[in-house]
Amino acid sequence: MTDNDARKRRTTSRGISVEMKTKSLILIGALTATICICGRQAVKAGNPPNSADAAASTATVKGKIKYEGKLPKSAAISMAADPSCSKQHTSPVANQEVVADAEGELQNVIVFIADGLGDRTFDPPTQPAVIEQKGCIYQPHVLGVRANQPFEVINDDPTSHNIHVIPTNNREWNKAEPPGTKIDEAFAREEIAIPVRCNIHPWMRSYVAVFKHPYFTVTGKDGSFDLSNLPPGTYTIEAWHEILGTATQKITVGTNETKAVDFVFKQRPGM
């Protein structure tokens, strides 16, 4: 073999080697691009529905709570034992056990989903639920909170209070609270409803209902309630009142459906 033949063979071999490397790089690049495209498609397919889609697939239950019968006369609260309480009011303060208007629309009723959510779980809010002591009255009189949600009791009065929480399914606590301070607590388990008292001012009473889900509300002056953003399904709706007891109804509500449900509490013997 001449020197020229040897040089030609080496040149040809190098050309073939470069060509094979180039093809290999192109093939690897194509495979990488394919994997990346497939990966992006997989992530996109696994994304949860957006909030608009979620809102479009929910249901609503709304209605009114009424009282039927003669309303019990609300007794005036005597705050004479603590002048710092009584002087904050220019007129007598009535107790809040049964509060309804002339049409019988009932306040302070807790309305909630008692059954039908299955094994769904919900993270508690980080925003605290708050009860204020103002005018030596608990405000609001009835409050709904979530299990493990921060719970604050604020003393806006110029006098001390002693908050005594008396649960059956949660930890009992009893704490003194000087003027201008607050107490931070939480409830670990569902319970409907927990009495709250002040050991210094015996007329101060309130109730806290604790839920493991967000589907609850407390009726206002017009006795109305609205349970929105429910997953479609069959539910037991319960209404709870501190004196009048409980009432339940079972309903089925579909996607994008709003269903009306009313409750009537009747006068109890001896009221």
C-alpha atoms as a PDB file:
ATOM      1  CA  MET A   1       0.000   0.000   0.000  1.00  0.00           C
ATOM      2  CA  THR A   2       1.420   3.410  -0.969  1.00  0.00           C
ATOM      3  CA  ASP A   3       1.612   6.382   1.409  1.00  0.00           C
ATOM      4  CA  ASN A   4      -1.131   8.113  -0.600  1.00  0.00           C
ATOM      5  CA  ASP A   5      -3.498   5.119  -0.204  1.00  0.00           C
ATOM      6  CA  ALA A   6      -2.920   5.068   3.566  1.00  0.00           C
ATOM      7  CA  ARG A   7      -3.645   8.785   3.909  1.00  0.00           C
ATOM      8  CA  LYS A   8      -6.899   8.421   1.910  1.00  0.00           C
ATOM      9  CA  ARG A   9      -8.053   5.507   4.119  1.00  0.00           C
ATOM     10  CA  ARG A  10      -7.388   7.468   7.343  1.00  0.00           C
ATOM     11  CA  THR A  11      -9.288  10.497   5.943  1.00  0.00           C
ATOM     12  CA  THR A  12     -12.242   8.314   4.969  1.00  0.00           C
ATOM     13  CA  SER A  13     -12.323   6.690   8.452  1.00  0.00           C
ATOM     14  CA  ARG A  14     -12.281  10.077  10.154  1.00  0.00           C
ATOM     15  CA  GLY A  15     -15.140  11.247   7.926  1.00  0.00           C
ATOM     16  CA  ILE A  16     -17.226   8.196   8.755  1.00  0.00           C
ATOM     17  CA  SER A  17     -16.491   8.647  12.495  1.00  0.00           C
ATOM     18  CA  VAL A  18     -17.519  12.319  12.441  1.00  0.00           C
ATOM     19  CA  GLU A  19     -20.674  11.479  10.497  1.00  0.00           C
ATOM     20  CA  MET A  20     -21.637   8.732  12.994  1.00  0.00           C
ATOM     21  CA  LYS A  21     -21.045  11.050  15.980  1.00  0.00           C
ATOM     22  CA  THR A  22     -23.167  13.758  14.330  1.00  0.00           C
ATOM     23  CA  LYS A  23     -26.028  11.319  13.708  1.00  0.00           C
ATOM     24  CA  SER A  24     -25.791  10.054  17.311  1.00  0.00           C
ATOM     25  CA  LEU A  25     -25.994  13.592  18.675  1.00  0.00           C
ATOM     26  CA  ILE A  26     -29.013  14.351  16.477  1.00  0.00           C
ATOM     27  CA  LEU A  27     -30.724  11.145  17.647  1.00  0.00           C
ATOM     28  CA  ILE A  28     -30.012  11.915  21.345  1.00  0.00           C
ATOM     29  CA  GLY A  29     -31.302  15.458  20.872  1.00  0.00           C
ATOM     30  CA  ALA A  30     -34.509  14.177  19.262  1.00  0.00           C
ATOM     31  CA  LEU A  31     -35.081  11.671  22.072  1.00  0.00           C
ATOM     32  CA  THR A  32     -34.468  14.367  24.710  1.00  0.00           C
ATOM     33  CA  ALA A  33     -36.943  16.713  23.018  1.00  0.00           C
ATOM     34  CA  THR A  34     -39.522  13.922  22.866  1.00  0.00           C
ATOM     35  CA  ILE A  35     -39.066  13.131  26.568  1.00  0.00           C
ATOM     36  CA  CYS A  36     -39.368  16.812  27.491  1.00  0.00           C
ATOM     37  CA  ILE A  37     -42.537  17.232  25.422  1.00  0.00           C
ATOM     38  CA  CYS A  38     -44.085  14.114  26.962  1.00  0.00           C
ATOM     39  CA  GLY A  39     -43.075  15.285  30.432  1.00  0.00           C
ATOM     40  CA  ARG A  40     -44.757  18.667  29.917  1.00  0.00           C
ATOM     41  CA  GLN A  41     -47.915  16.968  28.659  1.00  0.00           C
ATOM     42  CA  ALA A  42     -47.995  14.677  31.718  1.00  0.00           C
ATOM     43  CA  VAL A  43     -47.713  17.615  34.145  1.00  0.00           C
ATOM     44  CA  LYS A  44     -50.409  19.540  32.296  1.00  0.00           C
ATOM     45  CA  ALA A  45     -52.754  16.554  32.346  1.00  0.00           C
ATOM     46  CA  GLY A  46     -52.271  16.184  36.092  1.00  0.00           C
ATOM     47  CA  ASN A  47     -53.115  19.785  36.997  1.00  0.00           C
ATOM     48  CA  PRO A  48     -56.229  20.303  39.173  1.00  0.00           C
ATOM     49  CA  PRO A  49     -59.233  22.104  37.664  1.00  0.00           C
ATOM     50  CA  ASN A  50     -59.110  25.868  37.929  1.00  0.00           C
ATOM     51  CA  SER A  51     -61.252  27.780  40.409  1.00  0.00           C
ATOM     52  CA  ALA A  52     -63.841  28.670  37.757  1.00  0.00           C
ATOM     53  CA  ASP A  53     -64.360  24.976  36.957  1.00  0.00           C
ATOM     54  CA  ALA A  54     -64.600  24.130  40.673  1.00  0.00           C
ATOM     55  CA  ALA A  55     -67.126  26.916  41.317  1.00  0.00           C
ATOM     56  CA  ALA A  56     -69.233  25.758  38.363  1.00  0.00           C
ATOM     57  CA  SER A  57     -69.608  22.266  39.845  1.00  0.00           C
ATOM     58  CA  THR A  58     -70.890  23.256  43.290  1.00  0.00           C
ATOM     59  CA  ALA A  59     -74.337  23.458  44.866  1.00  0.00           C
ATOM     60  CA  THR A  60     -76.116  25.710  47.372  1.00  0.00           C
ATOM     61  CA  VAL A  61     -78.615  25.145  50.167  1.00  0.00           C
ATOM     62  CA  LYS A  62     -80.381  28.180  51.587  1.00  0.00           C
ATOM     63  CA  GLY A  63     -83.465  28.960  53.592  1.00  0.00           C
ATOM     64  CA  LYS A  64     -84.960  30.479  56.747  1.00  0.00           C
ATOM     65  CA  ILE A  65     -85.425  29.488  60.360  1.00  0.00           C
ATOM     66  CA  LYS A  66     -88.721  30.483  61.980  1.00  0.00           C
ATOM     67  CA  TYR A  67     -90.224  30.330  65.426  1.00  0.00           C
ATOM     68  CA  GLU A  68     -93.871  29.309  65.726  1.00  0.00           C
ATOM     69  CA  GLY A  69     -95.844  30.218  68.847  1.00  0.00           C
ATOM     70  CA  LYS A  70     -95.799  32.900  71.486  1.00  0.00           C
ATOM     71  CA  LEU A  71     -92.338  34.312  71.990  1.00  0.00           C
ATOM     72  CA  PRO A  72     -91.109  34.082  75.574  1.00  0.00           C
ATOM     73  CA  LYS A  73     -90.642  37.447  77.204  1.00  0.00           C
ATOM     74  CA  SER A  74     -86.972  38.370  77.279  1.00  0.00           C
ATOM     75  CA  ALA A  75     -85.932  39.128  80.844  1.00  0.00           C
ATOM     76  CA  ALA A  76     -83.778  42.191  81.419  1.00  0.00           C
ATOM     77  CA  ILE A  77     -80.270  41.475  82.622  1.00  0.00           C
ATOM     78  CA  SER A  78     -79.249  43.072  85.919  1.00  0.00           C
ATOM     79  CA  MET A  79     -75.661  44.306  85.878  1.00  0.00           C
ATOM     80  CA  ALA A  80     -75.905  46.084  89.229  1.00  0.00           C
ATOM     81  CA  ALA A  81     -73.185  43.841  90.692  1.00  0.00           C
ATOM     82  CA  ASP A  82     -70.579  45.616  88.528  1.00  0.00           C
ATOM     83  CA  PRO A  83     -71.194  49.339  87.886  1.00  0.00           C
ATOM     84  CA  SER A  84     -68.451  49.360  85.241  1.00  0.00           C
ATOM     85  CA  CYS A  85     -70.725  47.047  83.217  1.00  0.00           C
ATOM     86  CA  SER A  86     -74.086  48.738  83.860  1.00  0.00           C
ATOM     87  CA  LYS A  87     -72.874  52.251  83.076  1.00  0.00           C
ATOM     88  CA  GLN A  88     -71.994  51.165  79.518  1.00  0.00           C
ATOM     89  CA  HIS A  89     -75.721  50.755  78.731  1.00  0.00           C
ATOM     90  CA  THR A  90     -78.303  53.533  78.507  1.00  0.00           C
ATOM     91  CA  SER A  91     -81.237  51.101  78.385  1.00  0.00           C
ATOM     92  CA  PRO A  92     -81.962  47.624  79.799  1.00  0.00           C
ATOM     93  CA  VAL A  93     -80.197  44.718  78.112  1.00  0.00           C
ATOM     94  CA  ALA A  94     -82.334  41.662  77.339  1.00  0.00           C
ATOM     95  CA  ASN A  95     -81.034  38.105  77.447  1.00  0.00           C
ATOM     96  CA  GLN A  96     -80.401  36.478  74.057  1.00  0.00           C
ATOM     97  CA  GLU A  97     -81.776  33.001  74.611  1.00  0.00           C
ATOM     98  CA  VAL A  98     -84.657  33.284  72.099  1.00  0.00           C
ATOM     99  CA  VAL A  99     -84.435  36.225  69.703  1.00  0.00           C
ATOM    100  CA  ALA A 100     -86.926  36.582  66.845  1.00  0.00           C
ATOM    101  CA  ASP A 101     -88.662  39.411  65.004  1.00  0.00           C
ATOM    102  CA  ALA A 102     -92.421  39.993  64.564  1.00  0.00           C
ATOM    103  CA  GLU A 103     -92.459  37.499  61.669  1.00  0.00           C
ATOM    104  CA  GLY A 104     -90.901  34.793  63.825  1.00  0.00           C
ATOM    105  CA  GLU A 105     -87.550  34.875  61.995  1.00  0.00           C
ATOM    106  CA  LEU A 106     -85.154  33.302  64.480  1.00  0.00           C
ATOM    107  CA  GLN A 107     -81.608  34.472  65.241  1.00  0.00           C
ATOM    108  CA  ASN A 108     -78.625  32.607  66.658  1.00  0.00           C
ATOM    109  CA  VAL A 109     -79.416  29.243  65.076  1.00  0.00           C
ATOM    110  CA  ILE A 110     -76.458  27.207  63.866  1.00  0.00           C
ATOM    111  CA  VAL A 111     -77.188  25.519  60.523  1.00  0.00           C
ATOM    112  CA  PHE A 112     -74.698  22.961  59.245  1.00  0.00           C
ATOM    113  CA  ILE A 113     -74.038  19.788  57.262  1.00  0.00           C
ATOM    114  CA  ALA A 114     -74.424  16.976  59.794  1.00  0.00           C
ATOM    115  CA  ASP A 115     -73.861  14.073  57.382  1.00  0.00           C
ATOM    116  CA  GLY A 116     -73.014  13.441  53.730  1.00  0.00           C
ATOM    117  CA  LEU A 117     -69.483  14.741  53.266  1.00  0.00           C
ATOM    118  CA  GLY A 118     -67.989  11.245  53.562  1.00  0.00           C
ATOM    119  CA  ASP A 119     -64.265  11.084  54.213  1.00  0.00           C
ATOM    120  CA  ARG A 120     -63.473  14.528  52.789  1.00  0.00           C
ATOM    121  CA  THR A 121     -60.955  16.495  54.834  1.00  0.00           C
ATOM    122  CA  PHE A 122     -60.458  20.251  55.043  1.00  0.00           C
ATOM    123  CA  ASP A 123     -57.533  22.311  56.303  1.00  0.00           C
ATOM    124  CA  PRO A 124     -58.460  24.730  59.109  1.00  0.00           C
ATOM    125  CA  PRO A 125     -58.226  28.477  58.455  1.00  0.00           C
ATOM    126  CA  THR A 126     -55.272  30.417  59.834  1.00  0.00           C
ATOM    127  CA  GLN A 127     -57.425  33.504  60.456  1.00  0.00           C
ATOM    128  CA  PRO A 128     -58.698  33.463  64.057  1.00  0.00           C
ATOM    129  CA  ALA A 129     -62.356  33.257  65.051  1.00  0.00           C
ATOM    130  CA  VAL A 130     -63.091  35.961  67.609  1.00  0.00           C
ATOM    131  CA  ILE A 131     -65.455  36.538  70.535  1.00  0.00           C
ATOM    132  CA  GLU A 132     -65.421  39.997  72.090  1.00  0.00           C
ATOM    133  CA  GLN A 133     -66.460  40.960  75.611  1.00  0.00           C
ATOM    134  CA  LYS A 134     -68.005  44.374  75.179  1.00  0.00           C
ATOM    135  CA  GLY A 135     -70.493  45.945  77.566  1.00  0.00           C
ATOM    136  CA  CYS A 136     -70.094  42.806  79.662  1.00  0.00           C
ATOM    137  CA  ILE A 137     -71.827  40.803  76.914  1.00  0.00           C
ATOM    138  CA  TYR A 138     -70.310  38.146  74.660  1.00  0.00           C
ATOM    139  CA  GLN A 139     -70.398  39.250  71.021  1.00  0.00           C
ATOM    140  CA  PRO A 140     -71.465  37.295  69.051  1.00  0.00           C
ATOM    141  CA  HIS A 141     -73.771  35.247  71.245  1.00  0.00           C
ATOM    142  CA  VAL A 142     -73.283  32.149  69.051  1.00  0.00           C
ATOM    143  CA  LEU A 143     -70.143  31.498  67.023  1.00  0.00           C
ATOM    144  CA  GLY A 144     -69.051  28.743  64.642  1.00  0.00           C
ATOM    145  CA  VAL A 145     -65.360  27.834  64.368  1.00  0.00           C
ATOM    146  CA  ARG A 146     -63.273  25.100  62.769  1.00  0.00           C
ATOM    147  CA  ALA A 147     -61.393  22.429  64.673  1.00  0.00           C
ATOM    148  CA  ASN A 148     -57.790  23.600  65.212  1.00  0.00           C
ATOM    149  CA  GLN A 149     -58.604  27.111  63.999  1.00  0.00           C
ATOM    150  CA  PRO A 150     -57.090  29.874  66.159  1.00  0.00           C
ATOM    151  CA  PHE A 151     -59.691  31.181  68.617  1.00  0.00           C
ATOM    152  CA  GLU A 152     -59.403  34.561  70.326  1.00  0.00           C
ATOM    153  CA  VAL A 153     -61.335  35.994  73.275  1.00  0.00           C
ATOM    154  CA  ILE A 154     -60.880  39.756  73.516  1.00  0.00           C
ATOM    155  CA  ASN A 155     -61.695  41.876  76.573  1.00  0.00           C
ATOM    156  CA  ASP A 156     -62.805  45.345  75.454  1.00  0.00           C
ATOM    157  CA  ASP A 157     -64.327  46.140  78.849  1.00  0.00           C
ATOM    158  CA  PRO A 158     -62.836  48.298  81.620  1.00  0.00           C
ATOM    159  CA  THR A 159     -63.290  45.394  84.028  1.00  0.00           C
ATOM    160  CA  SER A 160     -61.798  41.913  84.327  1.00  0.00           C
ATOM    161  CA  HIS A 161     -63.556  38.773  83.130  1.00  0.00           C
ATOM    162  CA  ASN A 162     -63.037  35.080  83.784  1.00  0.00           C
ATOM    163  CA  ILE A 163     -63.736  32.931  80.722  1.00  0.00           C
ATOM    164  CA  HIS A 164     -64.873  29.425  81.531  1.00  0.00           C
ATOM    165  CA  VAL A 165     -65.292  27.096  78.542  1.00  0.00           C
ATOM    166  CA  ILE A 166     -67.251  23.924  79.440  1.00  0.00           C
ATOM    167  CA  PRO A 167     -66.985  21.309  76.651  1.00  0.00           C
ATOM    168  CA  THR A 168     -67.758  17.595  76.673  1.00  0.00           C
ATOM    169  CA  ASN A 169     -65.470  16.583  73.775  1.00  0.00           C
ATOM    170  CA  ASN A 170     -62.650  19.113  74.140  1.00  0.00           C
ATOM    171  CA  ARG A 171     -60.322  20.391  76.836  1.00  0.00           C
ATOM    172  CA  GLU A 172     -62.011  22.519  79.493  1.00  0.00           C
ATOM    173  CA  TRP A 173     -60.314  25.797  80.364  1.00  0.00           C
ATOM    174  CA  ASN A 174     -60.950  28.619  82.790  1.00  0.00           C
ATOM    175  CA  LYS A 175     -58.852  31.795  82.486  1.00  0.00           C
ATOM    176  CA  ALA A 176     -58.841  35.260  84.010  1.00  0.00           C
ATOM    177  CA  GLU A 177     -58.657  38.134  81.534  1.00  0.00           C
ATOM    178  CA  PRO A 178     -57.795  41.693  82.617  1.00  0.00           C
ATOM    179  CA  PRO A 179     -59.093  44.703  80.639  1.00  0.00           C
ATOM    180  CA  GLY A 180     -57.563  45.254  77.211  1.00  0.00           C
ATOM    181  CA  THR A 181     -56.110  41.757  76.853  1.00  0.00           C
ATOM    182  CA  LYS A 182     -56.876  38.679  74.767  1.00  0.00           C
ATOM    183  CA  ILE A 183     -56.730  34.921  75.179  1.00  0.00           C
ATOM    184  CA  ASP A 184     -55.498  32.641  72.371  1.00  0.00           C
ATOM    185  CA  GLU A 185     -56.873  29.112  72.285  1.00  0.00           C
ATOM    186  CA  ALA A 186     -58.158  26.417  69.889  1.00  0.00           C
ATOM    187  CA  PHE A 187     -60.487  23.403  69.936  1.00  0.00           C
ATOM    188  CA  ALA A 188     -59.127  20.089  68.699  1.00  0.00           C
ATOM    189  CA  ARG A 189     -62.376  18.202  68.050  1.00  0.00           C
ATOM    190  CA  GLU A 190     -65.813  18.758  66.601  1.00  0.00           C
ATOM    191  CA  GLU A 191     -68.472  19.672  69.181  1.00  0.00           C
ATOM    192  CA  ILE A 192     -71.872  21.346  68.856  1.00  0.00           C
ATOM    193  CA  ALA A 193     -72.061  23.409  70.914  1.00  0.00           C
ATOM    194  CA  ILE A 194     -69.776  24.412  73.791  1.00  0.00           C
ATOM    195  CA  PRO A 195     -71.125  26.667  76.577  1.00  0.00           C
ATOM    196  CA  VAL A 196     -68.975  29.679  77.450  1.00  0.00           C
ATOM    197  CA  ARG A 197     -69.442  31.456  80.781  1.00  0.00           C
ATOM    198  CA  CYS A 198     -67.891  34.274  82.789  1.00  0.00           C
ATOM    199  CA  ASN A 199     -67.334  33.278  86.406  1.00  0.00           C
ATOM    200  CA  ILE A 200     -67.301  36.938  87.496  1.00  0.00           C
ATOM    201  CA  HIS A 201     -70.445  38.060  85.655  1.00  0.00           C
ATOM    202  CA  PRO A 202     -72.968  35.183  85.706  1.00  0.00           C
ATOM    203  CA  TRP A 203     -75.275  36.732  83.090  1.00  0.00           C
ATOM    204  CA  MET A 204     -72.545  36.446  80.439  1.00  0.00           C
ATOM    205  CA  ARG A 205     -73.223  33.362  78.344  1.00  0.00           C
ATOM    206  CA  SER A 206     -72.291  32.305  74.838  1.00  0.00           C
ATOM    207  CA  TYR A 207     -71.922  29.177  72.690  1.00  0.00           C
ATOM    208  CA  VAL A 208     -69.146  28.040  70.362  1.00  0.00           C
ATOM    209  CA  ALA A 209     -69.818  25.290  67.812  1.00  0.00           C
ATOM    210  CA  VAL A 210     -66.734  23.477  66.481  1.00  0.00           C
ATOM    211  CA  PHE A 211     -66.756  21.826  63.034  1.00  0.00           C
ATOM    212  CA  LYS A 212     -64.323  19.683  61.048  1.00  0.00           C
ATOM    213  CA  HIS A 213     -65.623  21.154  57.760  1.00  0.00           C
ATOM    214  CA  PRO A 214     -66.484  24.660  56.469  1.00  0.00           C
ATOM    215  CA  TYR A 215     -70.198  24.107  55.764  1.00  0.00           C
ATOM    216  CA  PHE A 216     -71.936  25.909  58.626  1.00  0.00           C
ATOM    217  CA  THR A 217     -73.439  29.308  59.402  1.00  0.00           C
ATOM    218  CA  VAL A 218     -75.339  31.188  62.134  1.00  0.00           C
ATOM    219  CA  THR A 219     -78.622  32.937  61.360  1.00  0.00           C
ATOM    220  CA  GLY A 220     -78.803  36.705  61.682  1.00  0.00           C
ATOM    221  CA  LYS A 221     -81.709  39.064  62.292  1.00  0.00           C
ATOM    222  CA  ASP A 222     -83.765  37.817  59.331  1.00  0.00           C
ATOM    223  CA  GLY A 223     -83.368  34.136  60.251  1.00  0.00           C
ATOM    224  CA  SER A 224     -81.816  33.286  56.898  1.00  0.00           C
ATOM    225  CA  PHE A 225     -78.928  30.934  56.130  1.00  0.00           C
ATOM    226  CA  ASP A 226     -76.842  30.115  53.075  1.00  0.00           C
ATOM    227  CA  LEU A 227     -74.586  27.059  52.693  1.00  0.00           C
ATOM    228  CA  SER A 228     -72.668  27.688  49.470  1.00  0.00           C
ATOM    229  CA  ASN A 229     -69.970  25.866  47.472  1.00  0.00           C
ATOM    230  CA  LEU A 230     -71.202  22.426  48.509  1.00  0.00           C
ATOM    231  CA  PRO A 231     -70.121  19.390  46.515  1.00  0.00           C
ATOM    232  CA  PRO A 232     -73.275  17.981  44.852  1.00  0.00           C
ATOM    233  CA  GLY A 233     -74.699  15.134  46.921  1.00  0.00           C
ATOM    234  CA  THR A 234     -77.172  13.949  49.526  1.00  0.00           C
ATOM    235  CA  TYR A 235     -76.907  15.611  52.932  1.00  0.00           C
ATOM    236  CA  THR A 236     -78.464  15.794  56.351  1.00  0.00           C
ATOM    237  CA  ILE A 237     -78.900  19.462  57.265  1.00  0.00           C
ATOM    238  CA  GLU A 238     -79.190  20.215  60.978  1.00  0.00           C
ATOM    239  CA  ALA A 239     -80.345  23.350  62.771  1.00  0.00           C
ATOM    240  CA  TRP A 240     -79.307  23.821  66.431  1.00  0.00           C
ATOM    241  CA  HIS A 241     -80.701  26.275  68.979  1.00  0.00           C
ATOM    242  CA  GLU A 242     -79.569  26.612  72.584  1.00  0.00           C
ATOM    243  CA  ILE A 243     -83.125  26.450  74.029  1.00  0.00           C
ATOM    244  CA  LEU A 244     -85.314  25.020  71.261  1.00  0.00           C
ATOM    245  CA  GLY A 245     -83.137  22.013  70.459  1.00  0.00           C
ATOM    246  CA  THR A 246     -82.376  20.589  67.020  1.00  0.00           C
ATOM    247  CA  ALA A 247     -84.173  19.849  63.759  1.00  0.00           C
ATOM    248  CA  THR A 248     -82.911  17.937  60.717  1.00  0.00           C
ATOM    249  CA  GLN A 249     -83.822  17.476  57.072  1.00  0.00           C
ATOM    250  CA  LYS A 250     -82.329  15.215  54.411  1.00  0.00           C
ATOM    251  CA  ILE A 251     -81.918  16.663  50.927  1.00  0.00           C
ATOM    252  CA  THR A 252     -80.235  15.916  47.614  1.00  0.00           C
ATOM    253  CA  VAL A 253     -78.737  18.808  45.679  1.00  0.00           C
ATOM    254  CA  GLY A 254     -77.206  18.587  42.204  1.00  0.00           C
ATOM    255  CA  THR A 255     -74.503  20.396  40.272  1.00  0.00           C
ATOM    256  CA  ASN A 256     -75.226  24.135  39.919  1.00  0.00           C
ATOM    257  CA  GLU A 257     -78.476  23.617  41.842  1.00  0.00           C
ATOM    258  CA  THR A 258     -79.786  25.874  44.623  1.00  0.00           C
ATOM    259  CA  LYS A 259     -82.249  24.186  46.944  1.00  0.00           C
ATOM    260  CA  ALA A 260     -84.466  25.959  49.500  1.00  0.00           C
ATOM    261  CA  VAL A 261     -84.878  24.371  52.933  1.00  0.00           C
ATOM    262  CA  ASP A 262     -86.805  25.976  55.798  1.00  0.00           C
ATOM    263  CA  PHE A 263     -86.955  24.975  59.461  1.00  0.00           C
ATOM    264  CA  VAL A 264     -89.664  25.760  62.012  1.00  0.00           C
ATOM    265  CA  PHE A 265     -89.058  25.614  65.766  1.00  0.00           C
ATOM    266  CA  LYS A 266     -92.231  25.473  67.841  1.00  0.00           C
ATOM    267  CA  GLN A 267     -92.920  26.866  71.261  1.00  0.00           C
ATOM    268  CA  ARG A 268     -91.993  24.413  73.991  1.00  0.00           C
ATOM    269  CA  PRO A 269     -94.221  23.608  76.961  1.00  0.00           C
ATOM    270  CA  GLY A 270     -93.540  25.955  79.833  1.00  0.00           C
ATOM    271  CA  MET A 271     -92.101  28.733  77.691  1.00  0.00           C
END
